[in-house]
Amino acid sequence: MEDYILEMRNITKEFPGVKALDDVTFCVKRGEIHALVGENGAGKSTLMKILSGVYTTGEYTGEMIVNGTRQNYSCIKDSERAGISIIYQELGLVSTMTVCENIFLGNELVSHGIIDWDTENAACKRLLEKVKLKENPGTVIETLGTGKQQLIEIAKALSKNVDLLILDEPTSSLTEADSKNLLELLSQLRESGLTCIYISHKLNEVMEITDTVTVLRDGKTIVTKPTSEVTESKLISWMVGRDMTEVYPITVHEPGEIVLEVKDWTVPMKKEPNRFMLDHVSLNVRKGEIVGIAGLMGAGRTEFAMSLFGALHEKPVEGEIYLNGEKMERFKHPREAIDAGLMYLSEDRKRYGLLLSSDLRVNITLSSLNKLSRAGIIDLDRESEKVTKGIRDLNVKTPSILQLARNLSGGNQQKVVIVKALFTEPGVLILDEPTRGIDVGSKYEIYQLMNRLVEQGLGIVMISSELPEVINMSDRIYVMCEGRITGEFHASETKITQEEILYCAAGGRA
C-alpha cells in the first residue's frame, strides 16, 4: 500500500460562471518531489489555495487527507498546523526587515512575553545552514538578490516544522546559477525526508528534479505518472490537449526601414553619478522584425527599456532617439512615448501592467482613452465593442469583459496587457519577459501573435532571460553586460548558439 502524505479526492471548486476544478484527484507520496503542471487557468493555483487554506472547508466539495487525518480548514493557520507551507511566485518577505525577523514573522520565539533575540538568531543561523546560506541573520532583505530571498523563504517554511512544501514557479525570476542551486537544495531536502509539490512551466526542470508528475487541464486531472515514464513532448500534449510538433513557430520576416534608432544612450547611477547604469548603448530596430535583447540579470536590459519609455527615475544625460527617422526629445513621461508610437510592456505585469481590482474593459483602454473619448466623455459603446474584439482576437479566456483582472490566469493576464498595448497603436513595441510564468500553450500563442504583428509592420524589441526563446524568435540579437552592448548577432547570417550569447553576457566581445 502506498504511503501518501496527501490525498485530495474529488475536489470541485466553482466561481461565478467558471468551474475552476472539476472532480480533481491529486495524491502525493511521502518523501517525493511531485510536479503539478498544466496551462495557465488549468486549476493548479486554485488546487493549491485549497491545500494551503486560502479556500476553506465549505468553499469547495471533496475531501482532503494530510498525514492520514481528514482536514477541515477554517484559515491558513490550520494548514500550517497540518505541516503544510507554500512559497508563492511573488515572494512574501518584508524588504525592510532583517533575515531573522522575516523567518520568524508571526511565529516569534518569546520568553515571558518578550522576543528572545539570542534564541531567534541562533535558530536562524541553523536554518540558514540548512539552505546553504551564509548570510548574517541581521542582514536586511532588500540588500539581497532574488536567489537568496528564495532560499530564505524556504528557511522560513522549515522553521514551521513543515512536512509538505509547495513551490509555485520557484525559478521564474532566478538566474541559471541560482536555479541550479535551488534544485540541488531541493534534492538534498528530499533526501532528508521532506516532501515537495513543484509547480513550474519549465519542463526541463520538471524532468530533472521530480519523481512523479500530475497534469491538470481545464480543471480536470488528466494523468499522474512517474516522471521517468514521460517525455517533455508528451507532457506538452497532455497539457494543451493536442500534439505540438514545434515549440517556436517558424516564420521568415522581411525587415523594412529603421523605425527605432538609439545612439549613445547613457544613464548615470543616481547615488554614484560617476558610474553608469547604461553606458553609450546604441541599437536599431527595423519595421517588421523582432530584435532580442539578452543578458544576465542586472545587465541593464529592463533599465534601458524603461529609460527609453520615460519610466525610469534616473534620467539619461546623453544619447539620441529617432522614431521613423525623426529625432525625438528624450521622453520625460511614458505618456510622451505612447503618443510618439513607442510602447513598453513591463516584466512585472501585476505591478506595472494591470489594475488587478479593475475589470478588463478598464485595464485595456486605460492607456488609450483619448482615442475613445470626445470632449472628455468616453464612448462606452465603442469602448466595449473594441475591447470585445481585442479579447476575441487574442483568444483571452474570460466569461466577460467585466471580469476582474485578478481572476484571470497568468497567461490570460499577459494577453490582456498586450491587447492594452496594441490599443495605443504603437509603431515599436518593447516586450520585457513576455512569456515569464506562463505555460507552453500560451507561450506559443504569444509567439504567433508576435509574428503576426511584425508581418503587419510593427517593430518588436523582446527582452528575455530564456536563451532558446531569444535565439528562436529574434531576427537580430543584442547582448548586454553591465550596461553596455557587448555583442550583436544576425539570425540570417549564422546559427547562433547559447555559448556565444553567454560569452558576451559575461563581458566578452563578439
Protein backbone atom coordinates (compact mmCIF):
# COMPACT_ATOMS: atom_id res chain seq x y z
CA MET A 1 0.00 0.00 0.00
CA GLU A 2 1.34 3.43 -0.98
CA ASP A 3 2.34 5.81 1.82
CA TYR A 4 0.59 9.05 0.86
CA ILE A 5 1.28 12.22 2.80
CA LEU A 6 -1.50 13.98 0.88
CA GLU A 7 -4.74 12.75 -0.67
CA MET A 8 -7.08 15.23 -2.35
CA ARG A 9 -10.05 13.36 -3.81
CA ASN A 10 -12.98 14.54 -5.95
CA ILE A 11 -12.19 18.22 -5.41
CA THR A 12 -14.60 20.60 -7.14
CA LYS A 13 -14.44 24.39 -6.87
CA GLU A 14 -16.65 26.88 -8.71
CA PHE A 15 -16.51 30.64 -9.22
CA PRO A 16 -19.32 32.69 -10.81
CA GLY A 17 -19.53 31.45 -14.40
CA VAL A 18 -16.43 29.23 -14.11
CA LYS A 19 -15.80 25.71 -12.78
CA ALA A 20 -12.13 26.04 -11.77
CA LEU A 21 -11.78 22.44 -10.53
CA ASP A 22 -13.91 19.54 -11.70
CA ASP A 23 -13.64 16.33 -9.62
CA VAL A 24 -9.83 16.59 -9.28
CA THR A 25 -7.87 13.85 -7.54
CA PHE A 26 -4.29 14.60 -6.52
CA CYS A 27 -2.22 12.31 -4.28
CA VAL A 28 1.40 12.81 -3.18
CA LYS A 29 3.68 10.10 -1.78
CA ARG A 30 5.76 10.81 1.30
CA GLY A 31 9.35 11.88 0.58
CA GLU A 32 8.95 12.64 -3.12
CA ILE A 33 9.08 15.76 -5.28
CA HIS A 34 5.77 15.76 -7.15
CA ALA A 35 5.32 18.06 -10.14
CA LEU A 36 1.97 19.72 -10.80
CA VAL A 37 1.86 21.08 -14.35
CA GLY A 38 -0.71 22.49 -16.73
CA GLU A 39 -1.55 25.55 -18.77
CA ASN A 40 -2.42 28.82 -17.06
CA GLY A 41 -6.03 28.51 -15.98
CA ALA A 42 -5.80 24.72 -15.64
CA GLY A 43 -6.60 24.94 -11.92
CA LYS A 44 -3.16 24.50 -10.32
CA SER A 45 -3.30 27.66 -8.21
CA THR A 46 -6.89 27.02 -7.12
CA LEU A 47 -6.00 23.49 -6.00
CA MET A 48 -3.01 24.78 -4.02
CA LYS A 49 -5.13 27.50 -2.41
CA ILE A 50 -7.45 24.78 -1.13
CA LEU A 51 -4.47 22.79 0.17
CA SER A 52 -2.92 25.84 1.87
CA GLY A 53 -6.18 27.05 3.47
CA VAL A 54 -6.86 30.14 1.35
CA TYR A 55 -10.16 28.49 0.36
CA THR A 56 -11.64 26.92 3.48
CA THR A 57 -13.93 23.96 4.09
CA GLY A 58 -17.35 24.67 2.65
CA GLU A 59 -15.98 26.71 -0.28
CA TYR A 60 -15.35 23.52 -2.26
CA THR A 61 -16.51 19.91 -2.36
CA GLY A 62 -14.43 16.76 -1.96
CA GLU A 63 -12.13 15.50 0.76
CA MET A 64 -8.55 16.25 1.75
CA ILE A 65 -6.42 13.97 3.93
CA VAL A 66 -2.99 15.01 5.26
CA ASN A 67 -0.83 12.53 7.18
CA GLY A 68 -3.83 10.20 7.46
CA THR A 69 -6.12 12.83 9.00
CA ARG A 70 -9.07 14.40 7.20
CA GLN A 71 -8.67 18.18 7.14
CA ASN A 72 -11.34 20.84 7.63
CA TYR A 73 -9.57 24.19 7.40
CA SER A 74 -11.09 27.38 8.72
CA CYS A 75 -7.98 29.51 7.99
CA ILE A 76 -4.42 29.40 6.62
CA LYS A 77 -3.02 28.69 10.09
CA ASP A 78 -4.83 25.34 10.06
CA SER A 79 -2.82 24.23 7.03
CA GLU A 80 0.43 25.31 8.73
CA ARG A 81 -0.53 23.29 11.80
CA ALA A 82 -1.05 20.31 9.49
CA GLY A 83 2.59 20.71 8.34
CA ILE A 84 1.97 22.44 5.00
CA SER A 85 3.76 25.56 3.75
CA ILE A 86 3.57 27.30 0.37
CA ILE A 87 6.07 29.62 -1.32
CA TYR A 88 4.42 31.72 -4.00
CA GLN A 89 5.96 33.05 -7.20
CA GLU A 90 5.79 36.58 -5.74
CA LEU A 91 7.90 36.25 -2.59
CA GLY A 92 6.23 37.29 0.67
CA LEU A 93 9.19 38.78 2.52
CA VAL A 94 9.18 42.23 4.13
CA SER A 95 12.02 44.03 2.35
CA THR A 96 12.84 46.47 5.17
CA MET A 97 13.10 43.78 7.86
CA THR A 98 16.08 41.53 8.60
CA VAL A 99 16.50 37.91 7.60
CA CYS A 100 15.83 36.76 11.17
CA GLU A 101 12.74 38.95 11.56
CA ASN A 102 11.31 37.63 8.31
CA ILE A 103 11.90 33.97 9.11
CA PHE A 104 10.08 34.16 12.44
CA LEU A 105 7.48 36.80 11.50
CA GLY A 106 4.19 35.71 13.09
CA ASN A 107 5.94 32.82 14.89
CA GLU A 108 8.35 34.74 17.12
CA LEU A 109 10.28 32.88 19.81
CA VAL A 110 9.28 34.58 23.07
CA SER A 111 10.22 34.34 26.71
CA HIS A 112 7.89 35.91 29.28
CA GLY A 113 6.09 37.78 26.50
CA ILE A 114 9.30 39.27 25.05
CA ILE A 115 11.08 38.17 21.87
CA ASP A 116 14.18 36.16 22.76
CA TRP A 117 16.55 37.59 20.14
CA ASP A 118 19.51 35.40 21.12
CA THR A 119 17.46 32.22 20.68
CA GLU A 120 15.95 33.52 17.43
CA ASN A 121 19.33 34.45 15.95
CA ALA A 122 20.81 31.07 16.89
CA ALA A 123 17.81 29.24 15.36
CA CYS A 124 18.03 31.47 12.28
CA LYS A 125 21.69 30.53 11.75
CA ARG A 126 20.81 26.81 11.91
CA LEU A 127 18.02 27.27 9.37
CA LEU A 128 20.29 29.27 7.03
CA GLU A 129 22.86 26.46 7.21
CA LYS A 130 20.15 24.01 6.11
CA VAL A 131 19.52 26.04 2.96
CA LYS A 132 23.26 26.62 2.33
CA LEU A 133 23.22 30.35 3.07
CA LYS A 134 25.98 32.14 4.97
CA GLU A 135 24.14 35.43 5.47
CA ASN A 136 24.08 37.24 8.81
CA PRO A 137 20.63 37.00 10.47
CA GLY A 138 20.71 40.78 10.84
CA THR A 139 21.02 41.41 7.09
CA VAL A 140 18.17 43.49 5.66
CA ILE A 141 16.21 41.59 2.99
CA GLU A 142 16.25 44.36 0.36
CA THR A 143 20.05 44.14 0.16
CA LEU A 144 19.87 40.51 -1.03
CA GLY A 145 19.32 39.13 -4.53
CA THR A 146 16.22 37.21 -5.58
CA GLY A 147 18.00 33.85 -5.40
CA LYS A 148 18.96 34.33 -1.76
CA GLN A 149 15.49 35.63 -0.92
CA GLN A 150 14.01 32.42 -2.37
CA LEU A 151 16.23 30.36 -0.07
CA ILE A 152 15.19 32.50 2.89
CA GLU A 153 11.54 31.74 2.06
CA ILE A 154 12.42 28.03 2.26
CA ALA A 155 14.20 28.57 5.58
CA LYS A 156 11.06 30.34 6.83
CA ALA A 157 8.97 27.32 5.82
CA LEU A 158 11.39 24.94 7.54
CA SER A 159 11.08 26.99 10.76
CA LYS A 160 7.43 25.88 10.95
CA ASN A 161 8.35 22.16 11.00
CA VAL A 162 6.92 21.70 7.53
CA ASP A 163 6.22 18.19 6.21
CA LEU A 164 4.93 19.23 2.78
CA LEU A 165 6.48 22.20 0.96
CA ILE A 166 4.73 23.72 -2.07
CA LEU A 167 6.84 25.76 -4.50
CA ASP A 168 4.99 27.81 -7.12
CA GLU A 169 7.23 28.76 -10.09
CA PRO A 170 10.30 28.99 -7.80
CA THR A 171 12.84 29.69 -10.57
CA SER A 172 10.83 32.08 -12.77
CA SER A 173 12.84 35.11 -11.56
CA LEU A 174 16.17 33.39 -10.90
CA THR A 175 19.38 33.28 -12.87
CA GLU A 176 20.62 29.93 -14.19
CA ALA A 177 23.14 29.68 -11.35
CA ASP A 178 20.52 30.45 -8.67
CA SER A 179 18.08 28.00 -10.28
CA LYS A 180 20.69 25.24 -10.25
CA ASN A 181 21.48 25.99 -6.60
CA LEU A 182 17.78 25.78 -5.68
CA LEU A 183 17.27 22.46 -7.48
CA GLU A 184 20.30 20.98 -5.71
CA LEU A 185 18.89 22.13 -2.35
CA LEU A 186 15.51 20.54 -3.08
CA SER A 187 17.23 17.25 -3.87
CA GLN A 188 19.02 17.40 -0.52
CA LEU A 189 15.80 18.23 1.33
CA ARG A 190 14.11 15.25 -0.34
CA GLU A 191 16.90 13.01 0.93
CA SER A 192 16.27 14.32 4.44
CA GLY A 193 12.60 13.29 4.18
CA LEU A 194 10.85 16.49 3.10
CA THR A 195 8.02 16.15 0.57
CA CYS A 196 7.62 18.82 -2.13
CA ILE A 197 4.98 19.83 -4.64
CA TYR A 198 6.78 21.55 -7.51
CA ILE A 199 4.76 23.81 -9.86
CA SER A 200 6.64 25.02 -12.91
CA HIS A 201 6.26 25.77 -16.60
CA LYS A 202 9.95 24.92 -17.10
CA LEU A 203 9.53 21.32 -18.16
CA ASN A 204 13.29 20.68 -18.28
CA GLU A 205 13.35 21.32 -14.51
CA VAL A 206 10.33 19.08 -14.00
CA MET A 207 12.10 16.26 -15.84
CA GLU A 208 15.32 16.82 -13.89
CA ILE A 209 14.12 17.19 -10.30
CA THR A 210 10.77 15.42 -9.83
CA ASP A 211 9.76 11.83 -9.12
CA THR A 212 6.09 12.00 -10.17
CA VAL A 213 4.12 14.38 -12.37
CA THR A 214 0.41 15.22 -12.44
CA VAL A 215 -1.11 17.13 -15.35
CA LEU A 216 -4.21 19.31 -14.97
CA ARG A 217 -6.17 20.64 -17.95
CA ASP A 218 -9.35 22.73 -17.82
CA GLY A 219 -9.79 21.97 -14.12
CA LYS A 220 -9.53 18.18 -14.50
CA THR A 221 -6.88 15.61 -13.65
CA ILE A 222 -5.52 14.29 -16.96
CA VAL A 223 -2.78 11.93 -15.81
CA THR A 224 -0.42 11.07 -12.93
CA LYS A 225 2.74 9.17 -13.85
CA PRO A 226 6.34 8.60 -12.68
CA THR A 227 8.46 11.28 -14.32
CA SER A 228 10.80 8.61 -15.66
CA GLU A 229 7.96 7.26 -17.83
CA VAL A 230 7.16 10.53 -19.64
CA THR A 231 8.83 12.93 -22.06
CA GLU A 232 8.61 16.71 -22.41
CA SER A 233 6.68 16.40 -25.66
CA LYS A 234 4.18 14.02 -24.04
CA LEU A 235 3.71 16.41 -21.12
CA ILE A 236 3.06 19.26 -23.53
CA SER A 237 0.45 17.26 -25.45
CA TRP A 238 -1.34 16.36 -22.20
CA MET A 239 -1.22 19.99 -21.04
CA VAL A 240 -2.61 21.56 -24.21
CA GLY A 241 -4.80 18.64 -25.32
CA ARG A 242 -3.08 18.25 -28.68
CA ASP A 243 0.28 17.31 -30.13
CA MET A 244 2.67 20.25 -30.59
CA THR A 245 5.31 19.45 -33.17
CA GLU A 246 7.20 22.68 -32.51
CA VAL A 247 7.67 24.97 -29.53
CA TYR A 248 8.55 28.03 -31.62
CA PRO A 249 6.57 28.89 -34.77
CA ILE A 250 8.88 29.05 -37.79
CA THR A 251 8.37 32.31 -39.71
CA VAL A 252 10.65 34.25 -42.05
CA HIS A 253 10.41 38.02 -41.54
CA GLU A 254 11.24 40.64 -44.15
CA PRO A 255 12.50 43.72 -42.27
CA GLY A 256 11.97 47.16 -43.80
CA GLU A 257 13.30 50.57 -42.92
CA ILE A 258 14.57 51.54 -39.45
CA VAL A 259 11.71 52.57 -37.14
CA LEU A 260 13.71 52.99 -33.91
CA GLU A 261 17.32 54.08 -33.57
CA VAL A 262 19.11 54.81 -30.32
CA LYS A 263 22.59 56.36 -30.21
CA ASP A 264 25.00 56.57 -27.25
CA TRP A 265 22.24 56.20 -24.64
CA THR A 266 23.86 56.93 -21.27
CA VAL A 267 22.25 56.93 -17.81
CA PRO A 268 24.27 57.55 -14.62
CA MET A 269 23.56 55.84 -11.32
CA LYS A 270 21.63 58.14 -9.02
CA LYS A 271 23.76 57.50 -5.92
CA GLU A 272 27.05 57.28 -7.85
CA PRO A 273 26.96 59.81 -10.71
CA ASN A 274 30.44 58.80 -11.84
CA ARG A 275 29.23 55.26 -12.60
CA PHE A 276 26.81 54.39 -15.38
CA MET A 277 23.73 52.21 -15.32
CA LEU A 278 23.69 52.44 -19.13
CA ASP A 279 26.91 53.26 -20.92
CA HIS A 280 26.67 54.55 -24.52
CA VAL A 281 24.12 51.99 -25.70
CA SER A 282 23.38 52.10 -29.43
CA LEU A 283 20.97 49.90 -31.37
CA ASN A 284 18.29 50.00 -34.05
CA VAL A 285 15.05 48.20 -34.86
CA ARG A 286 13.56 47.78 -38.32
CA LYS A 287 9.96 47.66 -39.37
CA GLY A 288 8.77 44.06 -39.48
CA GLU A 289 11.48 42.44 -37.35
CA ILE A 290 11.94 41.10 -33.83
CA VAL A 291 15.08 42.32 -32.08
CA GLY A 292 16.05 40.32 -28.99
CA ILE A 293 17.99 41.74 -26.06
CA ALA A 294 19.80 39.12 -23.99
CA GLY A 295 21.99 39.37 -20.92
CA LEU A 296 22.36 38.22 -17.35
CA MET A 297 20.26 39.62 -14.53
CA GLY A 298 21.47 43.15 -13.72
CA ALA A 299 22.89 43.72 -17.20
CA GLY A 300 20.67 46.80 -17.67
CA ARG A 301 18.13 45.41 -20.17
CA THR A 302 15.00 46.50 -18.27
CA GLU A 303 16.58 49.80 -17.24
CA PHE A 304 17.34 50.56 -20.88
CA ALA A 305 13.75 49.89 -21.95
CA MET A 306 12.27 51.90 -19.08
CA SER A 307 14.58 54.86 -19.67
CA LEU A 308 13.61 54.97 -23.37
CA PHE A 309 9.97 54.89 -22.28
CA GLY A 310 10.43 57.75 -19.81
CA ALA A 311 9.62 55.50 -16.84
CA LEU A 312 12.98 55.36 -15.06
CA HIS A 313 13.77 57.62 -12.10
CA GLU A 314 17.37 58.00 -13.29
CA LYS A 315 17.43 60.18 -16.40
CA PRO A 316 19.68 59.88 -19.47
CA VAL A 317 22.38 62.51 -19.67
CA GLU A 318 23.49 61.68 -23.17
CA GLY A 319 22.07 59.96 -26.23
CA GLU A 320 19.63 60.40 -29.08
CA ILE A 321 16.43 58.59 -30.03
CA TYR A 322 14.89 58.51 -33.50
CA LEU A 323 11.43 57.19 -34.40
CA ASN A 324 10.75 56.68 -38.12
CA GLY A 325 13.81 58.77 -38.90
CA GLU A 326 12.65 61.74 -36.81
CA LYS A 327 14.79 62.82 -33.86
CA MET A 328 12.74 62.91 -30.66
CA GLU A 329 13.27 64.75 -27.42
CA ARG A 330 14.14 62.30 -24.64
CA PHE A 331 10.80 61.29 -23.13
CA LYS A 332 10.18 62.61 -19.63
CA HIS A 333 6.99 60.59 -19.10
CA PRO A 334 5.51 57.39 -20.57
CA ARG A 335 2.59 59.37 -21.96
CA GLU A 336 5.00 61.20 -24.29
CA ALA A 337 6.45 57.89 -25.51
CA ILE A 338 3.00 56.37 -26.11
CA ASP A 339 1.87 59.42 -28.08
CA ALA A 340 5.03 59.14 -30.20
CA GLY A 341 4.32 55.47 -31.01
CA LEU A 342 6.63 53.70 -28.55
CA MET A 343 5.01 51.24 -26.08
CA TYR A 344 6.66 49.23 -23.30
CA LEU A 345 5.25 46.15 -21.52
CA SER A 346 6.81 45.59 -18.11
CA GLU A 347 8.22 42.24 -16.97
CA ASP A 348 6.05 42.65 -13.83
CA ARG A 349 2.55 42.64 -15.32
CA LYS A 350 0.79 42.54 -11.95
CA ARG A 351 2.63 45.56 -10.56
CA TYR A 352 3.05 47.77 -13.63
CA GLY A 353 0.78 46.34 -16.31
CA LEU A 354 -2.60 45.80 -14.68
CA LEU A 355 -5.05 47.21 -12.18
CA LEU A 356 -5.90 43.85 -10.63
CA SER A 357 -9.01 45.09 -8.84
CA SER A 358 -10.46 46.61 -12.03
CA ASP A 359 -12.24 44.86 -14.89
CA LEU A 360 -10.75 44.06 -18.29
CA ARG A 361 -12.50 46.94 -20.05
CA VAL A 362 -10.90 49.49 -17.73
CA ASN A 363 -7.48 47.83 -17.94
CA ILE A 364 -7.38 47.52 -21.71
CA THR A 365 -8.42 51.08 -22.55
CA LEU A 366 -6.55 52.85 -19.75
CA SER A 367 -3.63 53.93 -21.96
CA SER A 368 -5.75 54.93 -24.96
CA LEU A 369 -8.81 56.73 -23.58
CA ASN A 370 -8.00 59.71 -25.80
CA LYS A 371 -8.89 57.51 -28.80
CA LEU A 372 -12.28 56.61 -27.32
CA SER A 373 -13.47 59.95 -26.00
CA ARG A 374 -14.74 63.24 -27.31
CA ALA A 375 -14.84 66.44 -25.27
CA GLY A 376 -13.65 64.42 -22.28
CA ILE A 377 -16.53 61.92 -22.46
CA ILE A 378 -15.81 58.23 -23.10
CA ASP A 379 -17.91 56.50 -25.75
CA LEU A 380 -18.77 53.41 -23.65
CA ASP A 381 -20.43 51.51 -26.51
CA ARG A 382 -17.38 51.94 -28.75
CA GLU A 383 -15.10 51.05 -25.84
CA SER A 384 -16.99 47.80 -25.15
CA GLU A 385 -17.02 46.94 -28.87
CA LYS A 386 -13.26 47.42 -29.29
CA VAL A 387 -12.40 45.61 -26.05
CA THR A 388 -14.60 42.65 -27.01
CA LYS A 389 -12.87 42.44 -30.40
CA GLY A 390 -9.40 42.72 -28.86
CA ILE A 391 -10.12 39.93 -26.38
CA ARG A 392 -11.53 37.72 -29.13
CA ASP A 393 -8.58 38.36 -31.46
CA LEU A 394 -6.06 37.30 -28.81
CA ASN A 395 -8.18 34.41 -27.52
CA VAL A 396 -8.35 35.68 -23.93
CA LYS A 397 -10.26 33.14 -21.84
CA THR A 398 -12.78 35.15 -19.82
CA PRO A 399 -16.55 34.95 -19.31
CA SER A 400 -16.92 38.73 -19.74
CA ILE A 401 -15.07 41.99 -20.37
CA LEU A 402 -16.27 42.94 -16.88
CA GLN A 403 -14.24 40.13 -15.30
CA LEU A 404 -11.69 41.44 -12.76
CA ALA A 405 -8.08 41.18 -13.96
CA ARG A 406 -7.02 39.39 -10.78
CA ASN A 407 -9.34 36.47 -11.59
CA LEU A 408 -7.54 35.60 -14.85
CA SER A 409 -4.68 33.12 -15.17
CA GLY A 410 -1.16 34.44 -15.77
CA GLY A 411 -1.25 33.66 -19.49
CA ASN A 412 -4.56 35.45 -19.98
CA GLN A 413 -3.36 38.42 -17.92
CA GLN A 414 -0.37 38.67 -20.25
CA LYS A 415 -2.66 38.64 -23.28
CA VAL A 416 -4.73 41.44 -21.73
CA VAL A 417 -1.58 43.53 -21.25
CA ILE A 418 -0.73 43.00 -24.93
CA VAL A 419 -4.25 43.97 -26.02
CA LYS A 420 -3.86 47.13 -23.91
CA ALA A 421 -0.55 47.92 -25.64
CA LEU A 422 -1.95 47.36 -29.13
CA PHE A 423 -4.84 49.75 -28.39
CA THR A 424 -2.25 52.57 -28.29
CA GLU A 425 -1.40 51.77 -31.96
CA PRO A 426 2.38 51.67 -31.46
CA GLY A 427 4.99 51.56 -34.20
CA VAL A 428 7.54 49.99 -31.83
CA LEU A 429 6.58 47.56 -29.08
CA ILE A 430 9.03 46.62 -26.30
CA LEU A 431 8.14 43.31 -24.62
CA ASP A 432 10.02 42.70 -21.37
CA GLU A 433 9.96 38.97 -20.46
CA PRO A 434 6.69 38.46 -22.40
CA THR A 435 6.34 34.77 -21.52
CA ARG A 436 7.57 34.74 -17.91
CA GLY A 437 5.47 32.47 -15.72
CA ILE A 438 3.11 31.23 -18.43
CA ASP A 439 2.59 27.78 -19.90
CA VAL A 440 3.85 26.37 -23.20
CA GLY A 441 0.45 26.65 -24.91
CA SER A 442 0.06 30.34 -24.02
CA LYS A 443 3.70 30.95 -24.96
CA TYR A 444 3.09 29.54 -28.42
CA GLU A 445 0.05 31.79 -28.88
CA ILE A 446 2.11 34.85 -27.88
CA TYR A 447 4.90 33.83 -30.28
CA GLN A 448 2.34 33.53 -33.08
CA LEU A 449 0.93 36.94 -32.18
CA MET A 450 4.40 38.50 -32.28
CA ASN A 451 4.94 37.08 -35.75
CA ARG A 452 1.57 38.44 -36.94
CA LEU A 453 2.40 41.89 -35.58
CA VAL A 454 5.76 42.12 -37.36
CA GLU A 455 4.08 40.92 -40.57
CA GLN A 456 1.77 43.92 -40.15
CA GLY A 457 4.83 46.21 -39.98
CA LEU A 458 5.41 46.57 -36.24
CA GLY A 459 8.96 46.63 -34.88
CA ILE A 460 9.31 44.49 -31.75
CA VAL A 461 12.03 44.54 -29.10
CA MET A 462 11.94 41.40 -26.94
CA ILE A 463 13.87 41.25 -23.68
CA SER A 464 14.13 37.69 -22.39
CA SER A 465 16.20 35.65 -19.95
CA GLU A 466 15.35 32.41 -21.79
CA LEU A 467 18.10 31.99 -24.37
CA PRO A 468 16.25 29.42 -26.54
CA GLU A 469 13.37 31.92 -26.77
CA VAL A 470 15.67 34.78 -27.77
CA ILE A 471 17.52 32.66 -30.34
CA ASN A 472 14.44 31.13 -31.95
CA MET A 473 12.24 34.24 -32.05
CA SER A 474 14.70 37.01 -32.94
CA ASP A 475 15.92 38.25 -36.32
CA ARG A 476 18.77 40.03 -34.59
CA ILE A 477 20.08 39.82 -31.03
CA TYR A 478 21.90 42.42 -28.96
CA VAL A 479 23.69 41.19 -25.83
CA MET A 480 24.17 43.46 -22.80
CA CYS A 481 26.63 43.28 -19.92
CA GLU A 482 26.96 45.89 -17.15
CA GLY A 483 25.00 48.49 -19.09
CA ARG A 484 26.88 48.10 -22.38
CA ILE A 485 26.22 46.35 -25.67
CA THR A 486 28.83 43.59 -25.95
CA GLY A 487 27.58 41.71 -28.99
CA GLU A 488 25.21 41.74 -31.96
CA PHE A 489 24.11 38.61 -33.82
CA HIS A 490 22.14 38.20 -37.07
CA ALA A 491 19.99 35.07 -37.33
CA SER A 492 20.12 35.17 -41.13
CA GLU A 493 23.92 35.08 -41.25
CA THR A 494 24.82 32.25 -38.90
CA LYS A 495 23.48 29.69 -36.46
CA ILE A 496 23.51 31.50 -33.11
CA THR A 497 24.49 29.40 -30.08
CA GLN A 498 23.77 29.88 -26.40
CA GLU A 499 27.50 29.70 -25.70
CA GLU A 500 28.19 32.72 -27.94
CA ILE A 501 25.50 34.77 -26.21
CA LEU A 502 26.67 33.78 -22.72
CA TYR A 503 30.25 34.70 -23.66
CA CYS A 504 29.10 38.23 -24.48
CA ALA A 505 26.74 38.35 -21.49
CA ALA A 506 29.74 37.66 -19.25
CA GLY A 507 31.67 40.59 -20.73
CA GLY A 508 33.32 39.07 -23.79
CA ARG A 509 33.09 40.86 -27.13
CA ALA A 510 31.56 39.26 -30.22
